[in-house]
Amino acid sequence: MAYEMKDNSMSLLKNGYKEEGDNKPDYTGNAKVGGVDMKASIWINKTKDGKTQLRGNFQKKDDAPF
């Protein structure tokens, strides 16, 4: 039986193609938002105060470059 993602959830893995200094996301994976299958991306950054910040986005699977 294949895994079926629940609505409004995501599953991410560390991006093995990210290299030091590039703009690729740190984590990529799949999501389901409002019943629509999406690709998800997360970047890890530091704020000016040195705190860890996670920033991400969703793209429809047909529009996603990865």
PDB file of N, CA and C in Angstrom:
ATOM      1  N   MET A   1       0.844  -1.185   0.000  1.00  0.00           N
ATOM      2  CA  MET A   1       0.000   0.000   0.000  1.00  0.00           C
ATOM      3  C   MET A   1       0.887   1.245   0.000  1.00  0.00           C
ATOM      4  N   ALA A   2       0.653   2.134  -0.918  1.00  0.00           N
ATOM      5  CA  ALA A   2       1.448   3.363  -1.033  1.00  0.00           C
ATOM      6  C   ALA A   2       1.032   4.366   0.036  1.00  0.00           C
ATOM      7  N   TYR A   3       2.003   5.166   0.456  1.00  0.00           N
ATOM      8  CA  TYR A   3       1.738   6.217   1.439  1.00  0.00           C
ATOM      9  C   TYR A   3       0.906   7.312   0.800  1.00  0.00           C
ATOM     10  N   GLU A   4      -0.154   7.726   1.469  1.00  0.00           N
ATOM     11  CA  GLU A   4      -0.969   8.834   0.981  1.00  0.00           C
ATOM     12  C   GLU A   4      -0.839   9.999   1.955  1.00  0.00           C
ATOM     13  N   MET A   5      -0.364  11.109   1.458  1.00  0.00           N
ATOM     14  CA  MET A   5      -0.150  12.280   2.298  1.00  0.00           C
ATOM     15  C   MET A   5      -1.488  12.858   2.748  1.00  0.00           C
ATOM     16  N   LYS A   6      -1.561  13.204   4.025  1.00  0.00           N
ATOM     17  CA  LYS A   6      -2.761  13.832   4.555  1.00  0.00           C
ATOM     18  C   LYS A   6      -2.794  15.291   4.139  1.00  0.00           C
ATOM     19  N   ASP A   7      -3.988  15.842   4.053  1.00  0.00           N
ATOM     20  CA  ASP A   7      -4.150  17.236   3.656  1.00  0.00           C
ATOM     21  C   ASP A   7      -3.485  18.170   4.666  1.00  0.00           C
ATOM     22  N   ASN A   8      -2.912  19.246   4.160  1.00  0.00           N
ATOM     23  CA  ASN A   8      -2.223  20.271   4.950  1.00  0.00           C
ATOM     24  C   ASN A   8      -1.041  19.709   5.736  1.00  0.00           C
ATOM     25  N   SER A   9      -0.273  18.866   5.062  1.00  0.00           N
ATOM     26  CA  SER A   9       0.939  18.305   5.664  1.00  0.00           C
ATOM     27  C   SER A   9       2.048  18.289   4.611  1.00  0.00           C
ATOM     28  N   MET A  10       3.279  18.057   5.072  1.00  0.00           N
ATOM     29  CA  MET A  10       4.403  17.960   4.146  1.00  0.00           C
ATOM     30  C   MET A  10       5.441  16.993   4.680  1.00  0.00           C
ATOM     31  N   SER A  11       6.288  16.530   3.781  1.00  0.00           N
ATOM     32  CA  SER A  11       7.380  15.625   4.102  1.00  0.00           C
ATOM     33  C   SER A  11       8.612  16.127   3.352  1.00  0.00           C
ATOM     34  N   LEU A  12       9.684  16.448   4.099  1.00  0.00           N
ATOM     35  CA  LEU A  12      10.884  17.031   3.507  1.00  0.00           C
ATOM     36  C   LEU A  12      12.117  16.187   3.801  1.00  0.00           C
ATOM     37  N   LEU A  13      13.077  16.226   2.891  1.00  0.00           N
ATOM     38  CA  LEU A  13      14.379  15.583   3.075  1.00  0.00           C
ATOM     39  C   LEU A  13      15.462  16.612   2.782  1.00  0.00           C
ATOM     40  N   LYS A  14      16.623  16.441   3.399  1.00  0.00           N
ATOM     41  CA  LYS A  14      17.754  17.333   3.162  1.00  0.00           C
ATOM     42  C   LYS A  14      18.127  17.274   1.681  1.00  0.00           C
ATOM     43  N   ASN A  15      18.373  18.424   1.085  1.00  0.00           N
ATOM     44  CA  ASN A  15      18.706  18.528  -0.328  1.00  0.00           C
ATOM     45  C   ASN A  15      20.159  18.111  -0.542  1.00  0.00           C
ATOM     46  N   GLY A  16      20.381  16.965  -1.141  1.00  0.00           N
ATOM     47  CA  GLY A  16      21.720  16.452  -1.402  1.00  0.00           C
ATOM     48  C   GLY A  16      22.457  17.171  -2.523  1.00  0.00           C
ATOM     49  N   TYR A  17      21.744  18.037  -3.261  1.00  0.00           N
ATOM     50  CA  TYR A  17      22.354  18.767  -4.374  1.00  0.00           C
ATOM     51  C   TYR A  17      22.787  20.179  -3.985  1.00  0.00           C
ATOM     52  N   LYS A  18      22.510  20.589  -2.753  1.00  0.00           N
ATOM     53  CA  LYS A  18      22.886  21.930  -2.306  1.00  0.00           C
ATOM     54  C   LYS A  18      24.391  21.976  -2.081  1.00  0.00           C
ATOM     55  N   GLU A  19      25.006  23.045  -2.591  1.00  0.00           N
ATOM     56  CA  GLU A  19      26.438  23.263  -2.395  1.00  0.00           C
ATOM     57  C   GLU A  19      26.642  24.570  -1.653  1.00  0.00           C
ATOM     58  N   GLU A  20      27.763  24.707  -1.000  1.00  0.00           N
ATOM     59  CA  GLU A  20      28.084  25.913  -0.233  1.00  0.00           C
ATOM     60  C   GLU A  20      27.946  27.156  -1.109  1.00  0.00           C
ATOM     61  N   GLY A  21      27.158  28.119  -0.658  1.00  0.00           N
ATOM     62  CA  GLY A  21      27.028  29.390  -1.348  1.00  0.00           C
ATOM     63  C   GLY A  21      25.966  29.468  -2.431  1.00  0.00           C
ATOM     64  N   ASP A  22      25.326  28.353  -2.792  1.00  0.00           N
ATOM     65  CA  ASP A  22      24.291  28.462  -3.820  1.00  0.00           C
ATOM     66  C   ASP A  22      22.933  28.804  -3.187  1.00  0.00           C
ATOM     67  N   ASN A  23      21.948  29.054  -4.039  1.00  0.00           N
ATOM     68  CA  ASN A  23      20.628  29.478  -3.558  1.00  0.00           C
ATOM     69  C   ASN A  23      19.609  28.348  -3.506  1.00  0.00           C
ATOM     70  N   LYS A  24      20.061  27.124  -3.684  1.00  0.00           N
ATOM     71  CA  LYS A  24      19.134  25.991  -3.641  1.00  0.00           C
ATOM     72  C   LYS A  24      18.583  25.835  -2.234  1.00  0.00           C
ATOM     73  N   PRO A  25      17.368  25.302  -2.110  1.00  0.00           N
ATOM     74  CA  PRO A  25      16.791  25.102  -0.782  1.00  0.00           C
ATOM     75  C   PRO A  25      17.581  24.069   0.023  1.00  0.00           C
ATOM     76  N   ASP A  26      17.535  24.214   1.350  1.00  0.00           N
ATOM     77  CA  ASP A  26      18.207  23.265   2.231  1.00  0.00           C
ATOM     78  C   ASP A  26      17.428  21.951   2.333  1.00  0.00           C
ATOM     79  N   TYR A  27      16.108  22.037   2.254  1.00  0.00           N
ATOM     80  CA  TYR A  27      15.245  20.856   2.308  1.00  0.00           C
ATOM     81  C   TYR A  27      14.190  20.963   1.216  1.00  0.00           C
ATOM     82  N   THR A  28      13.865  19.834   0.579  1.00  0.00           N
ATOM     83  CA  THR A  28      12.819  19.791  -0.436  1.00  0.00           C
ATOM     84  C   THR A  28      11.956  18.564  -0.203  1.00  0.00           C
ATOM     85  N   GLY A  29      10.767  18.607  -0.747  1.00  0.00           N
ATOM     86  CA  GLY A  29       9.887  17.448  -0.605  1.00  0.00           C
ATOM     87  C   GLY A  29       8.509  17.720  -1.157  1.00  0.00           C
ATOM     88  N   ASN A  30       7.561  16.976  -0.636  1.00  0.00           N
ATOM     89  CA  ASN A  30       6.184  17.035  -1.110  1.00  0.00           C
ATOM     90  C   ASN A  30       5.274  17.568  -0.018  1.00  0.00           C
ATOM     91  N   ALA A  31       4.156  18.148  -0.466  1.00  0.00           N
ATOM     92  CA  ALA A  31       3.151  18.665   0.451  1.00  0.00           C
ATOM     93  C   ALA A  31       1.782  18.486  -0.185  1.00  0.00           C
ATOM     94  N   LYS A  32       0.777  18.546   0.653  1.00  0.00           N
ATOM     95  CA  LYS A  32      -0.598  18.572   0.175  1.00  0.00           C
ATOM     96  C   LYS A  32      -1.270  19.721   0.898  1.00  0.00           C
ATOM     97  N   VAL A  33      -1.691  20.734   0.142  1.00  0.00           N
ATOM     98  CA  VAL A  33      -2.273  21.942   0.719  1.00  0.00           C
ATOM     99  C   VAL A  33      -3.653  22.153   0.100  1.00  0.00           C
ATOM    100  N   GLY A  34      -4.678  22.142   0.925  1.00  0.00           N
ATOM    101  CA  GLY A  34      -6.035  22.334   0.406  1.00  0.00           C
ATOM    102  C   GLY A  34      -6.425  21.292  -0.617  1.00  0.00           C
ATOM    103  N   GLY A  35      -5.900  20.077  -0.470  1.00  0.00           N
ATOM    104  CA  GLY A  35      -6.205  18.980  -1.384  1.00  0.00           C
ATOM    105  C   GLY A  35      -5.381  18.969  -2.657  1.00  0.00           C
ATOM    106  N   VAL A  36      -4.452  19.938  -2.805  1.00  0.00           N
ATOM    107  CA  VAL A  36      -3.629  20.032  -4.021  1.00  0.00           C
ATOM    108  C   VAL A  36      -2.219  19.507  -3.717  1.00  0.00           C
ATOM    109  N   ASP A  37      -1.714  18.593  -4.536  1.00  0.00           N
ATOM    110  CA  ASP A  37      -0.354  18.086  -4.374  1.00  0.00           C
ATOM    111  C   ASP A  37       0.639  19.162  -4.795  1.00  0.00           C
ATOM    112  N   MET A  38       1.614  19.433  -3.923  1.00  0.00           N
ATOM    113  CA  MET A  38       2.566  20.509  -4.130  1.00  0.00           C
ATOM    114  C   MET A  38       3.985  20.006  -3.888  1.00  0.00           C
ATOM    115  N   LYS A  39       4.960  20.802  -4.337  1.00  0.00           N
ATOM    116  CA  LYS A  39       6.365  20.642  -3.967  1.00  0.00           C
ATOM    117  C   LYS A  39       6.643  21.674  -2.882  1.00  0.00           C
ATOM    118  N   ALA A  40       7.437  21.314  -1.889  1.00  0.00           N
ATOM    119  CA  ALA A  40       7.767  22.220  -0.794  1.00  0.00           C
ATOM    120  C   ALA A  40       9.275  22.418  -0.729  1.00  0.00           C
ATOM    121  N   SER A  41       9.689  23.623  -0.375  1.00  0.00           N
ATOM    122  CA  SER A  41      11.111  23.960  -0.227  1.00  0.00           C
ATOM    123  C   SER A  41      11.294  24.777   1.039  1.00  0.00           C
ATOM    124  N   ILE A  42      12.400  24.503   1.759  1.00  0.00           N
ATOM    125  CA  ILE A  42      12.719  25.242   2.982  1.00  0.00           C
ATOM    126  C   ILE A  42      14.182  25.680   2.921  1.00  0.00           C
ATOM    127  N   TRP A  43      14.431  26.949   3.281  1.00  0.00           N
ATOM    128  CA  TRP A  43      15.776  27.492   3.409  1.00  0.00           C
ATOM    129  C   TRP A  43      16.026  27.815   4.869  1.00  0.00           C
ATOM    130  N   ILE A  44      17.240  27.556   5.349  1.00  0.00           N
ATOM    131  CA  ILE A  44      17.632  27.879   6.723  1.00  0.00           C
ATOM    132  C   ILE A  44      18.541  29.098   6.666  1.00  0.00           C
ATOM    133  N   ASN A  45      18.167  30.150   7.386  1.00  0.00           N
ATOM    134  CA  ASN A  45      18.933  31.393   7.405  1.00  0.00           C
ATOM    135  C   ASN A  45      19.181  31.827   8.846  1.00  0.00           C
ATOM    136  N   LYS A  46      20.023  32.814   9.005  1.00  0.00           N
ATOM    137  CA  LYS A  46      20.262  33.438  10.309  1.00  0.00           C
ATOM    138  C   LYS A  46      19.763  34.869  10.257  1.00  0.00           C
ATOM    139  N   THR A  47      19.094  35.325  11.324  1.00  0.00           N
ATOM    140  CA  THR A  47      18.667  36.715  11.408  1.00  0.00           C
ATOM    141  C   THR A  47      19.855  37.569  11.831  1.00  0.00           C
ATOM    142  N   LYS A  48      19.666  38.878  11.833  1.00  0.00           N
ATOM    143  CA  LYS A  48      20.724  39.779  12.279  1.00  0.00           C
ATOM    144  C   LYS A  48      21.096  39.520  13.733  1.00  0.00           C
ATOM    145  N   ASP A  49      20.143  39.011  14.505  1.00  0.00           N
ATOM    146  CA  ASP A  49      20.375  38.691  15.918  1.00  0.00           C
ATOM    147  C   ASP A  49      21.017  37.317  16.113  1.00  0.00           C
ATOM    148  N   GLY A  50      21.244  36.584  15.015  1.00  0.00           N
ATOM    149  CA  GLY A  50      21.860  35.277  15.092  1.00  0.00           C
ATOM    150  C   GLY A  50      20.887  34.136  15.346  1.00  0.00           C
ATOM    151  N   LYS A  51      19.592  34.417  15.297  1.00  0.00           N
ATOM    152  CA  LYS A  51      18.586  33.376  15.498  1.00  0.00           C
ATOM    153  C   LYS A  51      18.356  32.619  14.186  1.00  0.00           C
ATOM    154  N   THR A  52      18.013  31.355  14.302  1.00  0.00           N
ATOM    155  CA  THR A  52      17.726  30.539  13.125  1.00  0.00           C
ATOM    156  C   THR A  52      16.339  30.878  12.596  1.00  0.00           C
ATOM    157  N   GLN A  53      16.264  31.080  11.282  1.00  0.00           N
ATOM    158  CA  GLN A  53      15.004  31.393  10.624  1.00  0.00           C
ATOM    159  C   GLN A  53      14.774  30.378   9.519  1.00  0.00           C
ATOM    160  N   LEU A  54      13.585  29.808   9.469  1.00  0.00           N
ATOM    161  CA  LEU A  54      13.188  28.910   8.392  1.00  0.00           C
ATOM    162  C   LEU A  54      12.257  29.675   7.466  1.00  0.00           C
ATOM    163  N   ARG A  55      12.537  29.620   6.165  1.00  0.00           N
ATOM    164  CA  ARG A  55      11.730  30.291   5.157  1.00  0.00           C
ATOM    165  C   ARG A  55      11.409  29.268   4.091  1.00  0.00           C
ATOM    166  N   GLY A  56      10.181  29.248   3.618  1.00  0.00           N
ATOM    167  CA  GLY A  56       9.827  28.239   2.641  1.00  0.00           C
ATOM    168  C   GLY A  56       8.755  28.675   1.681  1.00  0.00           C
ATOM    169  N   ASN A  57       8.481  27.787   0.715  1.00  0.00           N
ATOM    170  CA  ASN A  57       7.404  28.044  -0.230  1.00  0.00           C
ATOM    171  C   ASN A  57       6.831  26.735  -0.751  1.00  0.00           C
ATOM    172  N   PHE A  58       5.684  26.872  -1.408  1.00  0.00           N
ATOM    173  CA  PHE A  58       5.016  25.755  -2.051  1.00  0.00           C
ATOM    174  C   PHE A  58       4.831  26.114  -3.521  1.00  0.00           C
ATOM    175  N   GLN A  59       4.921  25.111  -4.384  1.00  0.00           N
ATOM    176  CA  GLN A  59       4.643  25.275  -5.813  1.00  0.00           C
ATOM    177  C   GLN A  59       3.822  24.074  -6.266  1.00  0.00           C
ATOM    178  N   LYS A  60       2.881  24.335  -7.180  1.00  0.00           N
ATOM    179  CA  LYS A  60       2.160  23.214  -7.757  1.00  0.00           C
ATOM    180  C   LYS A  60       3.157  22.293  -8.427  1.00  0.00           C
ATOM    181  N   LYS A  61       2.947  21.013  -8.349  1.00  0.00           N
ATOM    182  CA  LYS A  61       3.910  20.054  -8.904  1.00  0.00           C
ATOM    183  C   LYS A  61       4.191  20.295 -10.380  1.00  0.00           C
ATOM    184  N   ASP A  62       3.202  20.703 -11.148  1.00  0.00           N
ATOM    185  CA  ASP A  62       3.415  20.948 -12.584  1.00  0.00           C
ATOM    186  C   ASP A  62       4.311  22.148 -12.842  1.00  0.00           C
ATOM    187  N   ASP A  63       4.352  23.113 -11.907  1.00  0.00           N
ATOM    188  CA  ASP A  63       5.126  24.339 -12.083  1.00  0.00           C
ATOM    189  C   ASP A  63       6.505  24.260 -11.437  1.00  0.00           C
ATOM    190  N   ALA A  64       6.757  23.231 -10.631  1.00  0.00           N
ATOM    191  CA  ALA A  64       7.993  23.148  -9.845  1.00  0.00           C
ATOM    192  C   ALA A  64       9.187  22.778 -10.742  1.00  0.00           C
ATOM    193  N   PRO A  65      10.341  23.450 -10.538  1.00  0.00           N
ATOM    194  CA  PRO A  65      11.523  23.160 -11.350  1.00  0.00           C
ATOM    195  C   PRO A  65      12.271  21.897 -10.918  1.00  0.00           C
ATOM    196  N   PHE A  66      11.916  21.284  -9.787  1.00  0.00           N
ATOM    197  CA  PHE A  66      12.626  20.099  -9.300  1.00  0.00           C
ATOM    198  C   PHE A  66      11.719  18.918  -9.200  1.00  0.00           C
TER     199      PHE A  66
END
